[in-house]
Amino acid sequence: MTLEDLSEASGITWSYIAQVEVGRRNVGVDNMHVLAQGLGLTLRDLL
């Protein structure tokens, strides 16, 4: 899955996801939940 795919599935910008991926930004629980849903996972499974 590309950043663009995850961005489309989650509604979070690809640039934010990229910054989280490389450790430049911290991600809050709410956004983790949204990203997990975009990946087809529960938050528990993502963590």
N, C-alpha and C. Protein backbone atom coordinates (compact mmCIF):
# COMPACT_ATOMS: atom_id res chain seq x y z
N MET A 1 0.85 -1.16 0.00
CA MET A 1 0.00 0.00 0.00
C MET A 1 0.90 1.24 0.00
N THR A 2 0.59 2.17 -0.86
CA THR A 2 1.37 3.41 -0.91
C THR A 2 0.84 4.41 0.11
N LEU A 3 1.61 5.44 0.35
CA LEU A 3 1.15 6.52 1.24
C LEU A 3 -0.12 7.15 0.68
N GLU A 4 -0.18 7.28 -0.63
CA GLU A 4 -1.36 7.85 -1.26
C GLU A 4 -2.58 6.96 -1.06
N ASP A 5 -2.40 5.65 -1.16
CA ASP A 5 -3.50 4.71 -0.92
C ASP A 5 -4.02 4.83 0.52
N LEU A 6 -3.09 4.85 1.47
CA LEU A 6 -3.48 4.95 2.87
C LEU A 6 -4.13 6.31 3.14
N SER A 7 -3.62 7.34 2.53
CA SER A 7 -4.20 8.66 2.68
C SER A 7 -5.65 8.68 2.19
N GLU A 8 -5.88 8.08 1.05
CA GLU A 8 -7.24 8.02 0.50
C GLU A 8 -8.16 7.18 1.39
N ALA A 9 -7.65 6.07 1.91
CA ALA A 9 -8.47 5.18 2.73
C ALA A 9 -8.76 5.76 4.11
N SER A 10 -7.85 6.59 4.61
CA SER A 10 -8.01 7.10 5.97
C SER A 10 -8.48 8.54 6.04
N GLY A 11 -8.27 9.30 4.97
CA GLY A 11 -8.62 10.72 4.99
C GLY A 11 -7.57 11.58 5.65
N ILE A 12 -6.40 11.03 5.91
CA ILE A 12 -5.28 11.77 6.48
C ILE A 12 -4.30 12.04 5.34
N THR A 13 -3.73 13.24 5.31
CA THR A 13 -2.84 13.59 4.21
C THR A 13 -1.62 12.69 4.15
N TRP A 14 -1.16 12.44 2.94
CA TRP A 14 -0.01 11.56 2.76
C TRP A 14 1.24 12.18 3.37
N SER A 15 1.33 13.50 3.38
CA SER A 15 2.52 14.15 3.94
C SER A 15 2.58 13.95 5.46
N TYR A 16 1.43 13.99 6.13
CA TYR A 16 1.39 13.74 7.57
C TYR A 16 1.81 12.29 7.85
N ILE A 17 1.28 11.36 7.08
CA ILE A 17 1.62 9.94 7.26
C ILE A 17 3.12 9.73 7.04
N ALA A 18 3.68 10.38 6.04
CA ALA A 18 5.12 10.25 5.76
C ALA A 18 5.95 10.79 6.92
N GLN A 19 5.52 11.90 7.51
CA GLN A 19 6.25 12.47 8.63
C GLN A 19 6.18 11.56 9.86
N VAL A 20 5.04 10.93 10.07
CA VAL A 20 4.91 9.97 11.17
C VAL A 20 5.82 8.78 10.91
N GLU A 21 5.84 8.32 9.68
CA GLU A 21 6.63 7.15 9.31
C GLU A 21 8.12 7.34 9.60
N VAL A 22 8.64 8.53 9.36
CA VAL A 22 10.07 8.77 9.57
C VAL A 22 10.38 9.36 10.94
N GLY A 23 9.36 9.53 11.78
CA GLY A 23 9.58 9.98 13.14
C GLY A 23 9.65 11.48 13.32
N ARG A 24 9.24 12.24 12.33
CA ARG A 24 9.26 13.71 12.45
C ARG A 24 8.03 14.25 13.18
N ARG A 25 6.97 13.46 13.22
CA ARG A 25 5.74 13.86 13.92
C ARG A 25 5.29 12.72 14.80
N ASN A 26 4.68 13.07 15.89
CA ASN A 26 4.04 12.07 16.75
C ASN A 26 2.60 11.93 16.30
N VAL A 27 2.07 10.76 16.48
CA VAL A 27 0.69 10.50 16.08
C VAL A 27 -0.14 10.28 17.33
N GLY A 28 -1.30 10.93 17.37
CA GLY A 28 -2.21 10.77 18.50
C GLY A 28 -3.05 9.52 18.36
N VAL A 29 -3.68 9.14 19.42
CA VAL A 29 -4.50 7.93 19.44
C VAL A 29 -5.63 8.03 18.42
N ASP A 30 -6.25 9.19 18.31
CA ASP A 30 -7.35 9.35 17.34
C ASP A 30 -6.87 9.08 15.93
N ASN A 31 -5.72 9.64 15.56
CA ASN A 31 -5.19 9.40 14.22
C ASN A 31 -4.70 7.97 14.04
N MET A 32 -4.17 7.36 15.10
CA MET A 32 -3.78 5.95 15.01
C MET A 32 -5.00 5.09 14.70
N HIS A 33 -6.11 5.42 15.34
CA HIS A 33 -7.35 4.68 15.11
C HIS A 33 -7.80 4.82 13.65
N VAL A 34 -7.75 6.03 13.13
CA VAL A 34 -8.15 6.28 11.74
C VAL A 34 -7.21 5.56 10.77
N LEU A 35 -5.92 5.60 11.05
CA LEU A 35 -4.95 4.90 10.19
C LEU A 35 -5.17 3.39 10.24
N ALA A 36 -5.44 2.86 11.41
CA ALA A 36 -5.72 1.43 11.54
C ALA A 36 -6.93 1.05 10.69
N GLN A 37 -7.98 1.86 10.76
CA GLN A 37 -9.17 1.59 9.94
C GLN A 37 -8.82 1.63 8.45
N GLY A 38 -7.99 2.59 8.06
CA GLY A 38 -7.57 2.68 6.67
C GLY A 38 -6.79 1.46 6.21
N LEU A 39 -6.11 0.83 7.15
CA LEU A 39 -5.34 -0.39 6.85
C LEU A 39 -6.19 -1.66 6.99
N GLY A 40 -7.44 -1.49 7.44
CA GLY A 40 -8.32 -2.65 7.64
C GLY A 40 -8.01 -3.39 8.92
N LEU A 41 -7.45 -2.69 9.91
CA LEU A 41 -7.08 -3.29 11.19
C LEU A 41 -7.85 -2.63 12.32
N THR A 42 -7.84 -3.29 13.46
CA THR A 42 -8.31 -2.62 14.67
C THR A 42 -7.11 -1.87 15.23
N LEU A 43 -7.39 -0.90 16.11
CA LEU A 43 -6.31 -0.18 16.75
C LEU A 43 -5.45 -1.16 17.56
N ARG A 44 -6.10 -2.09 18.21
CA ARG A 44 -5.37 -3.10 19.00
C ARG A 44 -4.39 -3.88 18.13
N ASP A 45 -4.83 -4.30 16.95
CA ASP A 45 -3.94 -5.05 16.05
C ASP A 45 -2.79 -4.17 15.54
N LEU A 46 -3.08 -2.92 15.29
CA LEU A 46 -2.03 -2.00 14.82
C LEU A 46 -0.96 -1.84 15.88
N LEU A 47 -1.40 -1.69 17.13
CA LEU A 47 -0.45 -1.52 18.22
C LEU A 47 0.26 -2.82 18.53
